[in-house]
Amino acid sequence: MFQVGEVVSYGATGICTIEDIRVMSLSRTGTNKQEYYLLRPAASPTCITYVPTANEALTAKMRPVLTQMQIDDLICSVKDEKLEWIEDTRHRADAFGQIIAKGITAELLKLIGCLYVQKQERLREGKKFCTTDEKLLASAERIVGEEFAYSLQISQSEVSAYIADKIK
């Protein structure tokens, strides 16, 4: 069980601080009281995300923030792994959207690599990169960048260079 004050990664929400753990009801009638983690996302400090502590599917999305060593190991472990490109735009958006929703860093890194390669290829051909793919790439980069920047104590703008340096 996580503790108040801990910083965690929570799926696609990203880095969050556990503000409180309390028993409460989110229903209008005040029935069905449950214990909740109250998470404050770093990217949206005015918001609170409520996660029922007894909901294993949701709490499974919560994990401690990666350390520098874990980040370095992760980058090295996925650098030669490729995510298969899906030609059908709708199927690709669904499949890649699921990867983002799960927020698993290794899969997000592979997704970023896949989308980046496709983007560069489209640009070389003088074609535009699909708006949906651009949004997926931005979401994946935001999630990974936020966690890596927090853990490595660097700015998000430095994360790409950090990853590129580790891949070489």
C-alpha atoms as a PDB file:
ATOM      1  CA  MET A   1       0.000   0.000   0.000  1.00  0.00           C
ATOM      2  CA  PHE A   2       1.216   3.470  -0.869  1.00  0.00           C
ATOM      3  CA  GLN A   3       1.592   6.232   1.709  1.00  0.00           C
ATOM      4  CA  VAL A   4       0.521   9.878   1.835  1.00  0.00           C
ATOM      5  CA  GLY A   5       3.242  12.076   0.330  1.00  0.00           C
ATOM      6  CA  GLU A   6       4.611   9.400  -2.003  1.00  0.00           C
ATOM      7  CA  VAL A   7       5.133  10.300  -5.635  1.00  0.00           C
ATOM      8  CA  VAL A   8       3.851   7.654  -8.042  1.00  0.00           C
ATOM      9  CA  SER A   9       3.266   7.149 -11.718  1.00  0.00           C
ATOM     10  CA  TYR A  10      -0.412   6.535 -12.482  1.00  0.00           C
ATOM     11  CA  GLY A  11      -1.097   5.204 -15.984  1.00  0.00           C
ATOM     12  CA  ALA A  12      -1.682   7.892 -18.594  1.00  0.00           C
ATOM     13  CA  THR A  13      -2.149  10.520 -15.865  1.00  0.00           C
ATOM     14  CA  GLY A  14       1.583  10.489 -15.223  1.00  0.00           C
ATOM     15  CA  ILE A  15       3.382  11.657 -12.109  1.00  0.00           C
ATOM     16  CA  CYS A  16       1.137  12.201  -9.086  1.00  0.00           C
ATOM     17  CA  THR A  17       1.590  12.919  -5.415  1.00  0.00           C
ATOM     18  CA  ILE A  18      -0.596  10.964  -3.005  1.00  0.00           C
ATOM     19  CA  GLU A  19      -2.294  13.843  -1.193  1.00  0.00           C
ATOM     20  CA  ASP A  20      -4.403  11.711   1.132  1.00  0.00           C
ATOM     21  CA  ILE A  21      -5.906   8.297   1.747  1.00  0.00           C
ATOM     22  CA  ARG A  22      -9.432   8.551   3.092  1.00  0.00           C
ATOM     23  CA  VAL A  23     -12.733   6.770   3.417  1.00  0.00           C
ATOM     24  CA  MET A  24     -15.453   8.603   1.560  1.00  0.00           C
ATOM     25  CA  SER A  25     -18.436   8.207  -0.713  1.00  0.00           C
ATOM     26  CA  LEU A  26     -18.516   9.634  -4.201  1.00  0.00           C
ATOM     27  CA  SER A  27     -22.248   8.965  -4.570  1.00  0.00           C
ATOM     28  CA  ARG A  28     -24.879  11.655  -4.031  1.00  0.00           C
ATOM     29  CA  THR A  29     -26.594   9.595  -1.364  1.00  0.00           C
ATOM     30  CA  GLY A  30     -23.424   9.180   0.689  1.00  0.00           C
ATOM     31  CA  THR A  31     -23.697   5.401   0.651  1.00  0.00           C
ATOM     32  CA  ASN A  32     -21.060   2.908  -0.483  1.00  0.00           C
ATOM     33  CA  LYS A  33     -18.168   4.457   1.386  1.00  0.00           C
ATOM     34  CA  GLN A  34     -14.772   3.269   0.208  1.00  0.00           C
ATOM     35  CA  GLU A  35     -11.158   4.056   0.897  1.00  0.00           C
ATOM     36  CA  TYR A  36      -9.560   6.167  -1.842  1.00  0.00           C
ATOM     37  CA  TYR A  37      -6.121   7.389  -2.795  1.00  0.00           C
ATOM     38  CA  LEU A  38      -6.344  11.082  -3.610  1.00  0.00           C
ATOM     39  CA  LEU A  39      -3.760  11.744  -6.314  1.00  0.00           C
ATOM     40  CA  ARG A  40      -2.653  15.206  -7.409  1.00  0.00           C
ATOM     41  CA  PRO A  41      -1.221  15.033 -10.959  1.00  0.00           C
ATOM     42  CA  ALA A  42       1.963  17.049 -11.441  1.00  0.00           C
ATOM     43  CA  ALA A  43       0.739  18.143 -14.892  1.00  0.00           C
ATOM     44  CA  SER A  44      -2.611  19.383 -13.481  1.00  0.00           C
ATOM     45  CA  PRO A  45      -2.012  20.527  -9.902  1.00  0.00           C
ATOM     46  CA  THR A  46      -5.548  21.887  -9.534  1.00  0.00           C
ATOM     47  CA  CYS A  47      -7.078  18.440 -10.184  1.00  0.00           C
ATOM     48  CA  ILE A  48      -7.512  15.438  -7.905  1.00  0.00           C
ATOM     49  CA  THR A  49      -7.810  11.850  -9.144  1.00  0.00           C
ATOM     50  CA  TYR A  50      -9.680   9.440  -6.868  1.00  0.00           C
ATOM     51  CA  VAL A  51      -8.513   5.823  -6.951  1.00  0.00           C
ATOM     52  CA  PRO A  52     -10.356   3.243  -4.826  1.00  0.00           C
ATOM     53  CA  THR A  53      -7.732   1.350  -2.826  1.00  0.00           C
ATOM     54  CA  ALA A  54      -9.715  -1.896  -3.214  1.00  0.00           C
ATOM     55  CA  ASN A  55      -9.913  -1.661  -7.020  1.00  0.00           C
ATOM     56  CA  GLU A  56      -7.031  -3.858  -8.168  1.00  0.00           C
ATOM     57  CA  ALA A  57      -7.384  -2.864 -11.830  1.00  0.00           C
ATOM     58  CA  LEU A  58      -6.909   0.811 -10.978  1.00  0.00           C
ATOM     59  CA  THR A  59      -4.302   0.426  -8.248  1.00  0.00           C
ATOM     60  CA  ALA A  60      -2.287  -1.778 -10.622  1.00  0.00           C
ATOM     61  CA  LYS A  61      -1.764   1.377 -12.712  1.00  0.00           C
ATOM     62  CA  MET A  62      -0.022   2.990  -9.714  1.00  0.00           C
ATOM     63  CA  ARG A  63       3.677   2.331  -9.286  1.00  0.00           C
ATOM     64  CA  PRO A  64       6.700   3.968  -7.733  1.00  0.00           C
ATOM     65  CA  VAL A  65       8.544   6.404  -9.985  1.00  0.00           C
ATOM     66  CA  LEU A  66      11.493   4.845 -11.804  1.00  0.00           C
ATOM     67  CA  THR A  67      15.019   5.494 -10.524  1.00  0.00           C
ATOM     68  CA  GLN A  68      17.855   6.640 -12.796  1.00  0.00           C
ATOM     69  CA  MET A  69      19.273   3.110 -12.874  1.00  0.00           C
ATOM     70  CA  GLN A  70      15.880   1.663 -13.808  1.00  0.00           C
ATOM     71  CA  ILE A  71      15.475   4.284 -16.540  1.00  0.00           C
ATOM     72  CA  ASP A  72      18.915   3.534 -17.984  1.00  0.00           C
ATOM     73  CA  ASP A  73      18.243  -0.229 -17.901  1.00  0.00           C
ATOM     74  CA  LEU A  74      14.845   0.284 -19.517  1.00  0.00           C
ATOM     75  CA  ILE A  75      16.240   2.418 -22.341  1.00  0.00           C
ATOM     76  CA  CYS A  76      18.917  -0.199 -23.074  1.00  0.00           C
ATOM     77  CA  SER A  77      16.444  -3.077 -22.919  1.00  0.00           C
ATOM     78  CA  VAL A  78      13.993  -1.598 -25.447  1.00  0.00           C
ATOM     79  CA  LYS A  79      16.378   0.141 -27.847  1.00  0.00           C
ATOM     80  CA  ASP A  80      16.434  -2.809 -30.261  1.00  0.00           C
ATOM     81  CA  GLU A  81      12.774  -3.757 -29.836  1.00  0.00           C
ATOM     82  CA  LYS A  82      10.372  -2.507 -32.454  1.00  0.00           C
ATOM     83  CA  LEU A  83       6.648  -1.939 -32.293  1.00  0.00           C
ATOM     84  CA  GLU A  84       4.861  -3.113 -35.417  1.00  0.00           C
ATOM     85  CA  TRP A  85       3.366  -0.321 -37.515  1.00  0.00           C
ATOM     86  CA  ILE A  86      -0.354  -0.751 -38.201  1.00  0.00           C
ATOM     87  CA  GLU A  87      -1.347   0.547 -41.618  1.00  0.00           C
ATOM     88  CA  ASP A  88      -5.051   1.044 -40.872  1.00  0.00           C
ATOM     89  CA  THR A  89      -5.383   4.440 -39.178  1.00  0.00           C
ATOM     90  CA  ARG A  90      -8.375   3.492 -37.029  1.00  0.00           C
ATOM     91  CA  HIS A  91      -6.841   0.226 -35.812  1.00  0.00           C
ATOM     92  CA  ARG A  92      -3.539   1.979 -35.187  1.00  0.00           C
ATOM     93  CA  ALA A  93      -5.222   4.724 -33.148  1.00  0.00           C
ATOM     94  CA  ASP A  94      -7.050   2.115 -31.044  1.00  0.00           C
ATOM     95  CA  ALA A  95      -3.995  -0.067 -30.457  1.00  0.00           C
ATOM     96  CA  PHE A  96      -1.629   2.813 -29.756  1.00  0.00           C
ATOM     97  CA  GLY A  97      -4.248   4.548 -27.595  1.00  0.00           C
ATOM     98  CA  GLN A  98      -4.437   1.430 -25.427  1.00  0.00           C
ATOM     99  CA  ILE A  99      -0.664   1.525 -24.946  1.00  0.00           C
ATOM    100  CA  ILE A 100      -0.927   5.131 -23.774  1.00  0.00           C
ATOM    101  CA  ALA A 101      -3.854   4.342 -21.456  1.00  0.00           C
ATOM    102  CA  LYS A 102      -1.876   1.573 -19.754  1.00  0.00           C
ATOM    103  CA  GLY A 103       1.095   3.888 -19.238  1.00  0.00           C
ATOM    104  CA  ILE A 104       3.719   1.107 -19.227  1.00  0.00           C
ATOM    105  CA  THR A 105       6.984   2.929 -19.789  1.00  0.00           C
ATOM    106  CA  ALA A 106       8.697   0.222 -21.862  1.00  0.00           C
ATOM    107  CA  GLU A 107       5.735   0.065 -24.237  1.00  0.00           C
ATOM    108  CA  LEU A 108       5.558   3.855 -24.394  1.00  0.00           C
ATOM    109  CA  LEU A 109       9.239   4.031 -25.364  1.00  0.00           C
ATOM    110  CA  LYS A 110       8.640   1.529 -28.181  1.00  0.00           C
ATOM    111  CA  LEU A 111       5.581   3.511 -29.270  1.00  0.00           C
ATOM    112  CA  ILE A 112       7.577   6.748 -29.349  1.00  0.00           C
ATOM    113  CA  GLY A 113      10.274   5.064 -31.422  1.00  0.00           C
ATOM    114  CA  CYS A 114       7.743   3.626 -33.864  1.00  0.00           C
ATOM    115  CA  LEU A 115       5.887   6.909 -34.328  1.00  0.00           C
ATOM    116  CA  TYR A 116       9.108   8.903 -34.596  1.00  0.00           C
ATOM    117  CA  VAL A 117      10.449   6.628 -37.365  1.00  0.00           C
ATOM    118  CA  GLN A 118       7.163   6.913 -39.266  1.00  0.00           C
ATOM    119  CA  LYS A 119       7.132  10.676 -38.834  1.00  0.00           C
ATOM    120  CA  GLN A 120      10.664  11.011 -40.220  1.00  0.00           C
ATOM    121  CA  GLU A 121       9.794   8.721 -43.125  1.00  0.00           C
ATOM    122  CA  ARG A 122       6.686  10.775 -43.997  1.00  0.00           C
ATOM    123  CA  LEU A 123       8.678  14.005 -43.851  1.00  0.00           C
ATOM    124  CA  ARG A 124      11.400  12.560 -46.125  1.00  0.00           C
ATOM    125  CA  GLU A 125       8.669  11.653 -48.616  1.00  0.00           C
ATOM    126  CA  GLY A 126       7.332  15.205 -48.440  1.00  0.00           C
ATOM    127  CA  LYS A 127       4.097  14.035 -46.825  1.00  0.00           C
ATOM    128  CA  LYS A 128       2.323  15.190 -43.693  1.00  0.00           C
ATOM    129  CA  PHE A 129       2.288  13.125 -40.525  1.00  0.00           C
ATOM    130  CA  CYS A 130      -1.247  12.106 -39.525  1.00  0.00           C
ATOM    131  CA  THR A 131      -2.755  14.393 -36.864  1.00  0.00           C
ATOM    132  CA  THR A 132      -3.910  11.393 -34.821  1.00  0.00           C
ATOM    133  CA  ASP A 133      -0.398   9.952 -34.838  1.00  0.00           C
ATOM    134  CA  GLU A 134       1.010  13.359 -33.877  1.00  0.00           C
ATOM    135  CA  LYS A 135      -1.323  13.480 -30.868  1.00  0.00           C
ATOM    136  CA  LEU A 136      -0.412   9.922 -29.856  1.00  0.00           C
ATOM    137  CA  LEU A 137       3.281  10.775 -30.093  1.00  0.00           C
ATOM    138  CA  ALA A 138       2.796  13.929 -28.003  1.00  0.00           C
ATOM    139  CA  SER A 139       0.870  12.000 -25.323  1.00  0.00           C
ATOM    140  CA  ALA A 140       3.473   9.248 -25.085  1.00  0.00           C
ATOM    141  CA  GLU A 141       6.304  11.786 -24.970  1.00  0.00           C
ATOM    142  CA  ARG A 142       4.521  13.747 -22.246  1.00  0.00           C
ATOM    143  CA  ILE A 143       4.059  10.699 -20.011  1.00  0.00           C
ATOM    144  CA  VAL A 144       7.618   9.433 -20.449  1.00  0.00           C
ATOM    145  CA  GLY A 145       9.142  12.905 -20.381  1.00  0.00           C
ATOM    146  CA  GLU A 146       7.378  13.845 -17.175  1.00  0.00           C
ATOM    147  CA  GLU A 147       8.560  10.758 -15.295  1.00  0.00           C
ATOM    148  CA  PHE A 148      12.106  10.818 -16.662  1.00  0.00           C
ATOM    149  CA  ALA A 149      12.466  14.544 -15.964  1.00  0.00           C
ATOM    150  CA  TYR A 150      11.217  14.061 -12.406  1.00  0.00           C
ATOM    151  CA  SER A 151      13.486  11.078 -11.708  1.00  0.00           C
ATOM    152  CA  LEU A 152      16.577  12.422 -13.444  1.00  0.00           C
ATOM    153  CA  GLN A 153      16.030  15.948 -12.128  1.00  0.00           C
ATOM    154  CA  ILE A 154      16.268  17.458 -15.599  1.00  0.00           C
ATOM    155  CA  SER A 155      13.819  19.492 -17.651  1.00  0.00           C
ATOM    156  CA  GLN A 156      11.387  17.721 -19.962  1.00  0.00           C
ATOM    157  CA  SER A 157      13.098  19.362 -22.924  1.00  0.00           C
ATOM    158  CA  GLU A 158      16.316  17.503 -21.985  1.00  0.00           C
ATOM    159  CA  VAL A 159      14.731  14.048 -21.861  1.00  0.00           C
ATOM    160  CA  SER A 160      14.984  13.317 -25.617  1.00  0.00           C
ATOM    161  CA  ALA A 161      18.683  14.123 -25.608  1.00  0.00           C
ATOM    162  CA  TYR A 162      19.173  11.931 -22.517  1.00  0.00           C
ATOM    163  CA  ILE A 163      17.465   8.983 -24.213  1.00  0.00           C
ATOM    164  CA  ALA A 164      19.380   9.517 -27.465  1.00  0.00           C
ATOM    165  CA  ASP A 165      22.662   9.580 -25.535  1.00  0.00           C
ATOM    166  CA  LYS A 166      21.827   6.278 -23.786  1.00  0.00           C
ATOM    167  CA  ILE A 167      20.849   4.600 -27.067  1.00  0.00           C
ATOM    168  CA  LYS A 168      24.205   5.425 -28.686  1.00  0.00           C
END
